C-alpha atoms as a PDB file:
ATOM      1  CA  MET A   1      91.821  31.177 162.877  1.00  0.00           C
ATOM      2  CA  PRO A   2      95.353  31.477 161.347  1.00  0.00           C
ATOM      3  CA  ILE A   3      97.950  28.755 161.557  1.00  0.00           C
ATOM      4  CA  TYR A   4     101.396  29.820 162.912  1.00  0.00           C
ATOM      5  CA  GLU A   5     104.559  27.897 162.554  1.00  0.00           C
ATOM      6  CA  TYR A   6     106.874  27.460 165.677  1.00  0.00           C
ATOM      7  CA  GLU A   7     110.313  26.178 166.237  1.00  0.00           C
ATOM      8  CA  CYS A   8     111.626  24.740 169.522  1.00  0.00           C
ATOM      9  CA  GLY A   9     115.025  26.298 170.603  1.00  0.00           C
ATOM     10  CA  ASN A  10     115.794  23.149 172.505  1.00  0.00           C
ATOM     11  CA  CYS A  11     115.333  20.366 170.002  1.00  0.00           C
ATOM     12  CA  SER A  12     114.837  22.344 166.846  1.00  0.00           C
ATOM     13  CA  HIS A  13     111.405  20.702 166.231  1.00  0.00           C
ATOM     14  CA  ARG A  14     109.081  22.629 163.912  1.00  0.00           C
ATOM     15  CA  PHE A  15     105.435  22.393 164.323  1.00  0.00           C
ATOM     16  CA  GLU A  16     102.186  24.410 163.505  1.00  0.00           C
ATOM     17  CA  VAL A  17      99.579  25.734 166.122  1.00  0.00           C
ATOM     18  CA  LYS A  18      96.121  27.198 165.322  1.00  0.00           C
ATOM     19  CA  GLN A  19      95.811  30.412 167.272  1.00  0.00           C
ATOM     20  CA  GLY A  20      93.473  33.424 167.272  1.00  0.00           C
ATOM     21  CA  PHE A  21      94.685  36.931 166.421  1.00  0.00           C
ATOM     22  CA  ASN A  22      94.106  37.994 170.075  1.00  0.00           C
ATOM     23  CA  ASP A  23      96.056  34.937 171.551  1.00  0.00           C
ATOM     24  CA  LYS A  24      99.482  35.668 173.027  1.00  0.00           C
ATOM     25  CA  PRO A  25     102.315  34.337 170.799  1.00  0.00           C
ATOM     26  CA  GLY A  26     103.807  31.328 172.241  1.00  0.00           C
ATOM     27  CA  ALA A  27     103.593  27.622 172.239  1.00  0.00           C
ATOM     28  CA  GLU A  28     105.002  24.517 173.986  1.00  0.00           C
ATOM     29  CA  CYS A  29     107.087  22.113 171.991  1.00  0.00           C
ATOM     30  CA  PRO A  30     105.116  18.653 171.740  1.00  0.00           C
ATOM     31  CA  GLN A  31     108.290  16.752 171.920  1.00  0.00           C
ATOM     32  CA  CYS A  32     110.309  18.263 174.878  1.00  0.00           C
ATOM     33  CA  GLN A  33     107.747  20.699 176.383  1.00  0.00           C
ATOM     34  CA  GLU A  34     110.055  23.669 176.101  1.00  0.00           C
ATOM     35  CA  ILE A  35     108.877  27.106 174.931  1.00  0.00           C
ATOM     36  CA  ALA A  36     109.018  27.567 171.171  1.00  0.00           C
ATOM     37  CA  ARG A  37     109.505  30.686 169.095  1.00  0.00           C
ATOM     38  CA  ARG A  38     107.102  31.760 166.309  1.00  0.00           C
ATOM     39  CA  ILE A  39     108.668  31.689 162.791  1.00  0.00           C
ATOM     40  CA  PHE A  40     107.774  34.692 160.496  1.00  0.00           C
ATOM     41  CA  HIS A  41     107.635  34.140 156.721  1.00  0.00           C
ATOM     42  CA  PRO A  42     107.599  36.947 154.141  1.00  0.00           C
ATOM     43  CA  THR A  43     104.323  37.565 152.472  1.00  0.00           C
ATOM     44  CA  PRO A  44     104.653  37.225 148.651  1.00  0.00           C
ATOM     45  CA  ILE A  45     103.376  40.112 146.671  1.00  0.00           C
ATOM     46  CA  ILE A  46     102.041  39.483 143.200  1.00  0.00           C
ATOM     47  CA  PHE A  47     101.208  42.272 140.740  1.00  0.00           C
ATOM     48  CA  LYS A  48      98.767  40.908 138.295  1.00  0.00           C
ATOM     49  CA  GLY A  49      97.438  42.537 135.226  1.00  0.00           C
ATOM     50  CA  SER A  50      98.813  44.981 132.733  1.00  0.00           C
ATOM     51  CA  GLY A  51      99.445  48.639 133.632  1.00  0.00           C
ATOM     52  CA  PHE A  52      99.754  48.335 137.437  1.00  0.00           C
ATOM     53  CA  HIS A  53     100.670  52.015 137.330  1.00  0.00           C
ATOM     54  CA  VAL A  54      99.106  54.481 134.955  1.00  0.00           C
ATOM     55  CA  THR A  55     102.426  55.405 133.433  1.00  0.00           C
ATOM     56  CA  ASP A  56     103.640  51.909 132.971  1.00  0.00           C
ATOM     57  CA  HIS A  57     103.949  50.985 129.222  1.00  0.00           C
ATOM     58  CA  ARG A  58     100.628  52.579 128.238  1.00  0.00           C
ATOM     59  CA  LYS A  59      99.958  53.432 124.628  1.00  0.00           C
ATOM     60  CA  SER A  60      99.919  56.992 123.591  1.00  0.00           C
ATOM     61  CA  THR A  61      96.578  58.457 122.668  1.00  0.00           C
ATOM     62  CA  GLU A  62      96.067  60.800 119.713  1.00  0.00           C
ATOM     63  CA  THR A  63      95.841  63.901 121.832  1.00  0.00           C
ATOM     64  CA  GLU A  64      99.147  63.077 123.491  1.00  0.00           C
ATOM     65  CA  LYS A  65     100.681  62.678 119.984  1.00  0.00           C
ATOM     66  CA  ARG A  66      99.332  66.074 118.869  1.00  0.00           C
ATOM     67  CA  LYS A  67     100.696  67.685 122.073  1.00  0.00           C
ATOM     68  CA  ARG A  68     104.225  66.343 121.389  1.00  0.00           C
ATOM     69  CA  GLU A  69     104.102  67.332 117.654  1.00  0.00           C
ATOM     70  CA  SER A  70     102.975  70.880 118.636  1.00  0.00           C
ATOM     71  CA  LYS A  71     105.757  71.136 121.196  1.00  0.00           C
ATOM     72  CA  ALA A  72     108.306  69.986 118.589  1.00  0.00           C
ATOM     73  CA  SER A  73     107.053  72.412 116.019  1.00  0.00           C
ATOM     74  CA  LYS A  74     107.174  75.287 118.591  1.00  0.00           C
ATOM     75  CA  GLY A  75     110.781  74.383 119.353  1.00  0.00           C
ATOM     76  CA  GLU A  76     111.748  74.451 115.680  1.00  0.00           C
ATOM     77  CA  SER A  77     110.090  77.820 115.074  1.00  0.00           C
ATOM     78  CA  GLU A  78     111.708  79.430 118.093  1.00  0.00           C
ATOM     79  CA  ALA A  79     115.114  77.985 116.975  1.00  0.00           C
ATOM     80  CA  SER A  80     114.679  79.543 113.501  1.00  0.00           C
ATOM     81  CA  LYS A  81     113.812  82.944 115.018  1.00  0.00           C
ATOM     82  CA  SER A  82     116.913  83.017 117.104  1.00  0.00           C
ATOM     83  CA  SER A  83     119.227  82.090 114.203  1.00  0.00           C
ATOM     84  CA  LYS A  84     118.025  85.130 112.201  1.00  0.00           C
END
């Protein structure tokens, strides 16, 4: 069962309550017996490991180097043809 944090609107007392997922959100303040509000906290996201995305900082392979070289050489040959 998850533990939720609540804050009383009357006396500003913060406390935790263990509730099931299907329970209605709401709790009574243990100090003044008023209705308290649930406090939501952002969930931290941690990206671990290298290369979270395939395109992030990966090393080029030999085939990718060859493709780049062939494109560069084609560009040079087309440029020399157009200048003639």
